[in-house]
């Protein structure tokens, strides 16, 4: 298989790692994928969760144990925010709206990362940060 591309949004927080964790908690609360009663941290310590993620995944922010720095070049499975230069490559003003982000993904001006990797960026409304856009590719 070649991995499946996905995208979703989550709540904004200035601390992107905290926003990522919040998005994970909210996503897990909606669907625990048969792993009821466990936190994100507990799931990522469970070999059965690893098997689940690496042979299919959830197609959500749950597919990543943590967020790395924007300039980190490690391969997945990690969520990585885009750098300012990476954002400006597809939206020159540097403050993408949801619509601009969604259009950039659909038109392939904004690429999906490699398998078992995710990216994120802050999305704005009326010039103010409103949410975070997450996109990635499953590991399978």
Protein backbone atom coordinates (compact mmCIF):
# COMPACT_ATOMS: atom_id res chain seq x y z
CA UNK A 1 0.00 0.00 0.00
CA UNK A 2 1.06 3.61 -0.33
CA UNK A 3 -0.50 5.48 2.57
CA UNK A 4 -3.66 7.55 2.54
CA UNK A 5 -3.68 11.34 2.56
CA UNK A 6 -5.94 13.09 5.06
CA UNK A 7 -6.61 16.54 6.51
CA UNK A 8 -8.44 17.94 9.52
CA UNK A 9 -8.59 21.07 11.63
CA UNK A 10 -8.26 21.59 15.34
CA UNK A 11 -8.47 24.37 17.89
CA UNK A 12 -5.88 27.13 17.95
CA UNK A 13 -3.50 27.70 20.83
CA UNK A 14 -0.37 29.84 20.68
CA UNK A 15 1.60 26.80 21.85
CA UNK A 16 1.28 24.59 18.76
CA UNK A 17 2.29 21.42 20.64
CA UNK A 18 -0.47 22.07 23.19
CA UNK A 19 -2.95 22.68 20.36
CA UNK A 20 -1.84 19.42 18.75
CA UNK A 21 -2.37 17.51 22.01
CA UNK A 22 -5.83 19.11 22.38
CA UNK A 23 -6.74 18.10 18.83
CA UNK A 24 -5.59 14.55 19.60
CA UNK A 25 -7.67 14.39 22.79
CA UNK A 26 -10.77 15.68 21.00
CA UNK A 27 -10.25 13.26 18.10
CA UNK A 28 -9.76 10.32 20.48
CA UNK A 29 -12.92 11.28 22.40
CA UNK A 30 -14.92 11.09 19.13
CA UNK A 31 -13.46 7.70 18.12
CA UNK A 32 -11.16 5.55 20.26
CA UNK A 33 -10.67 3.01 17.44
CA UNK A 34 -11.35 0.13 19.83
CA UNK A 35 -8.79 1.30 22.42
CA UNK A 36 -11.23 2.66 25.01
CA UNK A 37 -10.12 4.17 28.28
CA UNK A 38 -6.57 5.10 27.29
CA UNK A 39 -4.83 8.43 26.94
CA UNK A 40 -2.72 9.38 23.93
CA UNK A 41 0.43 8.70 25.97
CA UNK A 42 -0.84 5.26 27.00
CA UNK A 43 -1.74 4.40 23.41
CA UNK A 44 1.74 5.23 22.15
CA UNK A 45 3.25 2.88 24.77
CA UNK A 46 1.04 0.00 23.58
CA UNK A 47 2.53 -2.31 20.89
CA UNK A 48 -1.00 -3.08 19.68
CA UNK A 49 -1.55 0.63 18.97
CA UNK A 50 1.73 0.73 17.03
CA UNK A 51 0.56 -2.20 14.93
CA UNK A 52 -2.80 -0.50 14.36
CA UNK A 53 -1.19 2.79 13.30
CA UNK A 54 1.53 1.30 11.11
CA UNK A 55 -0.77 -1.10 9.27
CA UNK A 56 -3.60 1.30 8.55
CA UNK A 57 -3.74 4.20 10.94
CA UNK A 58 -6.59 6.50 11.77
CA UNK A 59 -6.05 9.16 9.09
CA UNK A 60 -6.05 11.78 11.86
CA UNK A 61 -3.74 13.54 14.29
CA UNK A 62 -3.78 10.32 16.35
CA UNK A 63 -1.27 8.79 13.93
CA UNK A 64 1.60 10.77 15.50
CA UNK A 65 3.09 10.48 18.99
CA UNK A 66 4.35 14.07 19.15
CA UNK A 67 5.04 17.32 17.38
CA UNK A 68 8.59 18.17 16.35
CA UNK A 69 10.12 21.57 15.68
CA UNK A 70 9.41 23.20 12.31
CA UNK A 71 13.08 23.02 11.33
CA UNK A 72 13.53 19.38 12.39
CA UNK A 73 14.22 17.06 9.45
CA UNK A 74 13.46 13.73 11.18
CA UNK A 75 11.18 11.38 9.29
CA UNK A 76 7.88 10.37 10.85
CA UNK A 77 5.85 9.43 12.51
CA UNK A 78 5.82 13.02 13.67
CA UNK A 79 3.69 16.12 13.22
CA UNK A 80 5.75 19.09 12.03
CA UNK A 81 4.59 22.70 11.71
CA UNK A 82 5.53 24.50 8.51
CA UNK A 83 8.19 27.20 8.67
CA UNK A 84 7.21 30.75 7.71
CA UNK A 85 9.03 30.32 4.37
CA UNK A 86 7.11 27.10 3.67
CA UNK A 87 3.80 28.87 4.34
CA UNK A 88 4.72 31.84 2.15
CA UNK A 89 5.54 29.48 -0.73
CA UNK A 90 1.81 28.81 -1.23
CA UNK A 91 0.26 31.88 0.43
CA UNK A 92 2.57 34.91 -0.01
CA UNK A 93 0.92 37.05 2.69
CA UNK A 94 1.76 34.35 5.27
CA UNK A 95 -1.61 34.19 7.08
CA UNK A 96 -3.61 31.48 5.33
CA UNK A 97 -7.33 31.18 5.79
CA UNK A 98 -9.06 27.81 5.93
CA UNK A 99 -10.22 28.34 2.35
CA UNK A 100 -6.70 29.12 1.09
CA UNK A 101 -5.29 26.08 2.89
CA UNK A 102 -8.01 23.77 1.60
CA UNK A 103 -7.59 25.10 -1.95
CA UNK A 104 -3.78 24.73 -1.77
CA UNK A 105 -4.14 21.08 -0.74
CA UNK A 106 -6.76 20.39 -3.43
CA UNK A 107 -4.70 22.08 -6.15
CA UNK A 108 -1.46 20.43 -4.96
CA UNK A 109 0.24 23.82 -4.47
CA UNK A 110 0.67 22.54 -0.92
CA UNK A 111 2.09 19.04 -0.89
CA UNK A 112 1.21 16.23 1.41
CA UNK A 113 4.24 14.94 3.34
CA UNK A 114 5.67 11.45 2.93
CA UNK A 115 4.20 8.32 4.47
CA UNK A 116 3.87 8.32 8.27
CA UNK A 117 4.36 12.10 8.39
CA UNK A 118 2.16 15.08 9.13
CA UNK A 119 2.31 18.84 8.81
CA UNK A 120 0.35 21.67 10.34
CA UNK A 121 -0.09 25.41 10.08
CA UNK A 122 -2.09 28.13 11.78
CA UNK A 123 -5.21 29.22 9.89
CA UNK A 124 -6.55 32.76 10.18
CA UNK A 125 -9.88 34.56 9.94
CA UNK A 126 -9.88 38.34 9.58
CA UNK A 127 -6.13 38.34 10.26
CA UNK A 128 -6.47 36.56 13.61
CA UNK A 129 -5.42 32.96 14.35
CA UNK A 130 -8.55 30.81 14.49
CA UNK A 131 -7.63 27.15 14.08
CA UNK A 132 -4.86 24.82 13.03
CA UNK A 133 -4.89 22.86 9.81
CA UNK A 134 -3.35 19.39 10.01
CA UNK A 135 -2.60 17.11 7.06
CA UNK A 136 -0.64 13.96 6.60
CA UNK A 137 -0.27 10.52 5.14
CA UNK A 138 -0.83 7.23 6.93
CA UNK A 139 2.04 4.79 7.38
CA UNK A 140 0.50 1.79 5.61
